N, C-alpha and C. Protein backbone atom coordinates (compact mmCIF):
# COMPACT_ATOMS: atom_id res chain seq x y z
N MET A 1 3.52 -1.19 -0.60
CA MET A 1 3.48 -2.33 -0.38
C MET A 1 4.04 -3.50 -1.70
N ARG A 2 5.58 -3.99 -1.45
CA ARG A 2 6.12 -4.89 -2.61
C ARG A 2 5.32 -6.20 -2.40
N VAL A 3 4.20 -6.53 -2.95
CA VAL A 3 4.04 -7.93 -2.77
C VAL A 3 4.24 -8.63 -4.22
N LEU A 4 4.80 -10.18 -3.96
CA LEU A 4 4.86 -11.11 -4.65
C LEU A 4 4.11 -12.12 -4.68
N LEU A 5 3.21 -12.29 -5.93
CA LEU A 5 1.77 -12.83 -5.80
C LEU A 5 2.37 -14.67 -6.45
N LEU A 6 2.52 -15.54 -5.98
CA LEU A 6 2.72 -16.93 -6.59
C LEU A 6 1.71 -17.51 -7.40
N GLY A 7 1.53 -18.08 -8.21
CA GLY A 7 0.09 -18.83 -8.69
C GLY A 7 -0.88 -17.61 -9.31
N ALA A 8 -0.35 -16.51 -9.93
CA ALA A 8 -0.60 -15.46 -10.61
C ALA A 8 -1.86 -15.77 -11.59
N ASN A 9 -1.88 -17.12 -12.13
CA ASN A 9 -2.62 -17.49 -13.39
C ASN A 9 -3.47 -18.31 -13.04
N GLY A 10 -3.38 -19.04 -11.61
CA GLY A 10 -4.49 -19.75 -11.23
C GLY A 10 -5.96 -19.61 -10.99
N PHE A 11 -6.87 -20.28 -11.08
CA PHE A 11 -8.23 -20.12 -10.22
C PHE A 11 -7.86 -19.11 -9.38
N LEU A 12 -7.71 -19.20 -8.24
CA LEU A 12 -7.95 -18.64 -6.89
C LEU A 12 -6.47 -16.74 -6.84
N GLY A 13 -5.28 -17.50 -7.60
CA GLY A 13 -4.46 -16.31 -8.29
C GLY A 13 -5.13 -15.21 -9.07
N ARG A 14 -5.80 -15.40 -9.81
CA ARG A 14 -6.28 -14.19 -11.08
C ARG A 14 -7.50 -13.34 -10.07
N PHE A 15 -8.13 -14.04 -8.92
CA PHE A 15 -9.00 -13.05 -8.38
C PHE A 15 -8.23 -12.69 -7.18
N VAL A 16 -7.24 -12.95 -6.46
CA VAL A 16 -5.89 -11.90 -5.57
C VAL A 16 -5.30 -10.98 -6.43
N ALA A 17 -5.04 -11.36 -7.67
CA ALA A 17 -4.56 -10.28 -8.35
C ALA A 17 -5.14 -9.07 -8.57
N ASP A 18 -6.39 -9.12 -9.09
CA ASP A 18 -7.36 -8.36 -9.30
C ASP A 18 -7.36 -7.30 -8.40
N ARG A 19 -7.58 -7.95 -7.13
CA ARG A 19 -7.66 -7.38 -5.73
C ARG A 19 -6.72 -6.60 -5.56
N LEU A 20 -5.27 -7.18 -5.83
CA LEU A 20 -4.14 -5.95 -4.93
C LEU A 20 -3.92 -5.29 -6.22
N LEU A 21 -4.36 -5.56 -7.58
CA LEU A 21 -3.83 -4.34 -8.58
C LEU A 21 -4.90 -3.27 -8.16
N ALA A 22 -6.13 -3.47 -7.31
CA ALA A 22 -6.98 -2.22 -7.43
C ALA A 22 -6.54 -1.51 -6.40
N ASP A 23 -5.24 -1.83 -5.42
CA ASP A 23 -4.71 -1.11 -4.23
C ASP A 23 -3.66 -0.48 -4.74
N PRO A 24 -3.70 1.09 -4.93
CA PRO A 24 -2.48 1.74 -4.90
C PRO A 24 -1.31 1.80 -4.32
N ALA A 25 -1.64 1.59 -2.81
CA ALA A 25 -0.51 1.52 -2.23
C ALA A 25 0.37 -0.08 -2.61
N VAL A 26 -0.04 -1.13 -3.14
CA VAL A 26 0.31 -2.45 -3.68
C VAL A 26 1.74 -1.93 -4.84
N HIS A 27 2.86 -2.22 -4.51
CA HIS A 27 3.20 -2.82 -6.06
C HIS A 27 3.35 -4.57 -6.10
N LEU A 28 2.91 -4.50 -7.51
CA LEU A 28 2.34 -6.06 -7.02
C LEU A 28 3.29 -6.83 -8.56
N THR A 29 3.99 -7.87 -8.11
CA THR A 29 4.73 -8.80 -9.04
C THR A 29 4.01 -10.09 -9.06
N ALA A 30 3.37 -10.72 -10.43
CA ALA A 30 2.79 -11.36 -10.55
C ALA A 30 3.89 -12.70 -10.81
N LEU A 31 3.92 -13.89 -10.28
CA LEU A 31 5.16 -14.69 -11.05
C LEU A 31 3.58 -16.20 -10.95
N GLY A 32 3.62 -16.94 -12.23
CA GLY A 32 3.41 -17.62 -12.60
C GLY A 32 3.54 -18.68 -13.69
N ARG A 33 3.14 -19.43 -14.20
CA ARG A 33 3.24 -20.59 -15.68
C ARG A 33 2.93 -19.75 -16.66
N GLY A 34 1.78 -18.87 -16.94
CA GLY A 34 0.83 -18.33 -18.06
C GLY A 34 1.90 -17.31 -18.33
N ASP A 35 1.37 -17.06 -19.45
CA ASP A 35 2.14 -15.94 -20.32
C ASP A 35 1.73 -14.52 -19.91
N ASP A 36 0.75 -14.24 -19.33
CA ASP A 36 0.38 -13.24 -18.56
C ASP A 36 0.80 -12.59 -17.18
N ALA A 37 1.65 -13.85 -16.77
CA ALA A 37 2.75 -13.35 -15.18
C ALA A 37 3.29 -12.33 -15.76
N ASP A 38 3.85 -11.44 -14.77
CA ASP A 38 5.09 -10.78 -14.86
C ASP A 38 6.20 -11.68 -14.94
N VAL A 39 6.56 -12.77 -14.38
CA VAL A 39 7.82 -13.68 -14.39
C VAL A 39 7.02 -15.05 -14.71
N ARG A 40 7.38 -15.53 -15.32
CA ARG A 40 7.31 -17.30 -15.94
C ARG A 40 8.05 -17.97 -14.79
N PHE A 41 7.35 -18.65 -14.26
CA PHE A 41 8.52 -19.68 -13.35
C PHE A 41 7.34 -20.67 -12.90
N ASP A 42 8.26 -22.04 -13.07
CA ASP A 42 7.49 -23.08 -12.70
C ASP A 42 8.10 -23.87 -11.19
N LEU A 43 7.30 -23.23 -10.14
CA LEU A 43 7.89 -23.61 -8.54
C LEU A 43 8.02 -25.02 -8.49
N ALA A 44 7.56 -25.93 -9.16
CA ALA A 44 7.15 -27.31 -9.09
C ALA A 44 8.71 -27.69 -9.79
N GLY A 45 8.90 -27.03 -10.65
CA GLY A 45 10.45 -27.88 -11.58
C GLY A 45 11.37 -26.51 -11.39
N GLY A 46 11.74 -25.24 -10.67
CA GLY A 46 12.50 -24.48 -10.61
C GLY A 46 13.49 -24.56 -9.50
N SER A 47 14.34 -24.25 -9.28
CA SER A 47 15.38 -24.14 -8.36
C SER A 47 15.25 -23.17 -7.41
N PRO A 48 15.69 -23.68 -6.30
CA PRO A 48 15.74 -22.41 -5.19
C PRO A 48 16.61 -21.32 -5.47
N GLY A 49 18.02 -21.61 -6.05
CA GLY A 49 18.62 -20.76 -5.94
C GLY A 49 18.45 -19.85 -7.32
N ALA A 50 17.53 -20.27 -8.40
CA ALA A 50 17.27 -19.53 -9.68
C ALA A 50 15.78 -18.45 -8.78
N LEU A 51 14.98 -18.85 -7.90
CA LEU A 51 13.83 -18.35 -7.21
C LEU A 51 14.61 -17.12 -6.17
N THR A 52 15.84 -17.66 -5.71
CA THR A 52 16.47 -16.79 -4.48
C THR A 52 16.89 -15.64 -5.49
N ARG A 53 17.26 -15.83 -6.74
CA ARG A 53 18.10 -14.55 -6.95
C ARG A 53 16.88 -13.34 -7.63
N PHE A 54 15.82 -14.11 -8.03
CA PHE A 54 14.70 -13.39 -8.33
C PHE A 54 14.21 -12.63 -6.98
N LEU A 55 14.07 -13.43 -6.29
CA LEU A 55 13.63 -12.46 -4.88
C LEU A 55 14.67 -11.87 -4.37
N ASP A 56 15.99 -11.39 -4.43
CA ASP A 56 16.89 -10.68 -4.20
C ASP A 56 16.61 -9.27 -4.89
N ALA A 57 16.29 -9.48 -6.36
CA ALA A 57 16.22 -8.50 -7.15
C ALA A 57 14.69 -7.73 -6.79
N VAL A 58 13.55 -8.46 -6.58
CA VAL A 58 12.32 -8.00 -6.40
C VAL A 58 11.85 -7.11 -4.84
N HIS A 59 12.72 -8.13 -4.24
CA HIS A 59 12.60 -7.65 -2.37
C HIS A 59 11.34 -7.44 -2.21
N PRO A 60 10.67 -8.63 -1.90
CA PRO A 60 9.27 -8.32 -1.97
C PRO A 60 8.95 -8.27 -0.35
N GLY A 61 7.86 -7.11 0.41
CA GLY A 61 7.65 -7.09 1.84
C GLY A 61 6.29 -8.54 1.91
N VAL A 62 5.89 -9.12 1.02
CA VAL A 62 5.00 -9.77 1.24
C VAL A 62 5.00 -10.93 0.02
N VAL A 63 5.23 -11.92 0.63
CA VAL A 63 4.83 -13.09 -0.52
C VAL A 63 3.33 -13.70 0.06
N VAL A 64 2.58 -13.64 -1.15
CA VAL A 64 1.31 -14.40 -0.84
C VAL A 64 1.38 -15.67 -2.31
N ASN A 65 0.91 -16.87 -1.44
CA ASN A 65 1.20 -18.20 -2.38
C ASN A 65 -0.04 -18.72 -2.99
N CYS A 66 -0.64 -18.76 -4.19
CA CYS A 66 -1.63 -19.15 -4.57
C CYS A 66 -1.51 -20.34 -5.58
N ALA A 67 -0.35 -20.95 -5.36
CA ALA A 67 0.01 -21.79 -6.61
C ALA A 67 -0.17 -23.03 -5.77
N GLY A 68 -0.70 -23.91 -6.98
CA GLY A 68 -1.34 -25.20 -6.72
C GLY A 68 -1.97 -26.28 -7.55
N ALA A 69 -2.35 -27.22 -7.68
CA ALA A 69 -2.72 -28.29 -8.27
C ALA A 69 -4.07 -28.86 -7.70
N THR A 70 -5.32 -28.85 -8.58
CA THR A 70 -6.19 -29.90 -7.69
C THR A 70 -6.32 -30.96 -8.30
N ARG A 71 -6.00 -30.96 -9.73
CA ARG A 71 -5.87 -32.46 -10.49
C ARG A 71 -4.76 -32.60 -11.16
N GLY A 72 -4.74 -34.22 -11.09
CA GLY A 72 -3.67 -34.86 -11.78
C GLY A 72 -3.02 -36.31 -10.79
N ASN A 73 -2.40 -36.82 -11.10
CA ASN A 73 -1.64 -38.14 -10.29
C ASN A 73 -1.43 -37.55 -8.75
N ALA A 74 -1.19 -38.42 -7.97
CA ALA A 74 -0.33 -38.30 -6.67
C ALA A 74 1.12 -37.76 -7.13
N ARG A 75 1.91 -38.25 -7.82
CA ARG A 75 3.10 -37.66 -7.70
C ARG A 75 2.96 -36.17 -8.58
N ASP A 76 2.31 -35.91 -9.46
CA ASP A 76 1.94 -34.48 -9.52
C ASP A 76 1.61 -33.61 -8.81
N LEU A 77 0.22 -33.96 -8.20
CA LEU A 77 -0.34 -33.01 -7.05
C LEU A 77 0.70 -32.70 -5.85
N THR A 78 1.60 -34.06 -5.59
CA THR A 78 2.99 -33.73 -4.19
C THR A 78 3.78 -32.99 -4.96
N ARG A 79 4.26 -32.70 -6.18
CA ARG A 79 4.98 -31.76 -6.68
C ARG A 79 4.88 -30.44 -6.90
N HIS A 80 3.35 -30.35 -7.19
CA HIS A 80 2.88 -29.23 -7.46
C HIS A 80 2.39 -28.60 -6.03
N ASN A 81 2.18 -29.12 -5.00
CA ASN A 81 1.66 -28.65 -3.89
C ASN A 81 2.78 -28.56 -2.60
N THR A 82 3.55 -29.64 -2.56
CA THR A 82 4.36 -29.78 -1.43
C THR A 82 5.84 -29.23 -1.91
N VAL A 83 6.29 -30.04 -2.98
CA VAL A 83 7.43 -29.69 -3.50
C VAL A 83 7.80 -28.19 -3.96
N ALA A 84 6.72 -27.57 -4.23
CA ALA A 84 6.79 -26.02 -4.98
C ALA A 84 7.07 -25.15 -3.67
N VAL A 85 5.91 -25.57 -2.56
CA VAL A 85 5.94 -24.58 -1.09
C VAL A 85 7.72 -25.15 -0.78
N ALA A 86 8.25 -26.10 -0.94
CA ALA A 86 9.28 -26.31 0.04
C ALA A 86 10.63 -25.55 -1.14
N THR A 87 10.37 -25.56 -2.36
CA THR A 87 11.19 -24.47 -3.14
C THR A 87 11.11 -23.05 -2.59
N VAL A 88 9.87 -22.34 -2.49
CA VAL A 88 9.93 -21.63 -2.02
C VAL A 88 10.43 -20.81 -0.84
N CYS A 89 9.98 -21.95 0.19
CA CYS A 89 10.21 -21.95 1.69
C CYS A 89 12.09 -21.84 1.55
N GLU A 90 12.64 -22.60 1.07
CA GLU A 90 13.96 -22.35 0.34
C GLU A 90 14.90 -21.26 0.40
N ALA A 91 13.99 -20.91 -1.03
CA ALA A 91 14.23 -19.80 -1.42
C ALA A 91 14.39 -18.43 -0.97
N LEU A 92 13.16 -18.52 0.09
CA LEU A 92 13.43 -17.37 1.19
C LEU A 92 14.13 -17.03 2.46
N ARG A 93 14.34 -18.33 2.53
CA ARG A 93 15.34 -18.75 3.69
C ARG A 93 16.59 -17.88 3.19
N ARG A 94 17.12 -18.58 1.93
CA ARG A 94 18.41 -17.93 1.60
C ARG A 94 18.37 -16.40 1.11
N SER A 95 17.27 -15.93 0.58
CA SER A 95 16.96 -14.66 0.36
C SER A 95 17.18 -13.64 1.70
N GLY A 96 16.70 -14.29 2.88
CA GLY A 96 16.77 -13.38 4.10
C GLY A 96 15.59 -12.67 4.32
């Protein structure tokens, strides 16, 4: 199963990545803002078009969203927790 993990570098994402990597049936692609992600992408600032092209290339069967923020001002929290999800949803819609 092809799995795309969003927020792979975060608190929750690291644990989810470890569990998914332990399953030999899972082909994991980790997307995050950190250097150890397979693909570096800022969901809050990236374009749906760029993410759509990436999704078209990767063809994930499952998308797991662990991306988000728990600290910051209201504007940053909205951007990281709401705008980022909207970007992902739009990219998934475009990708089919």
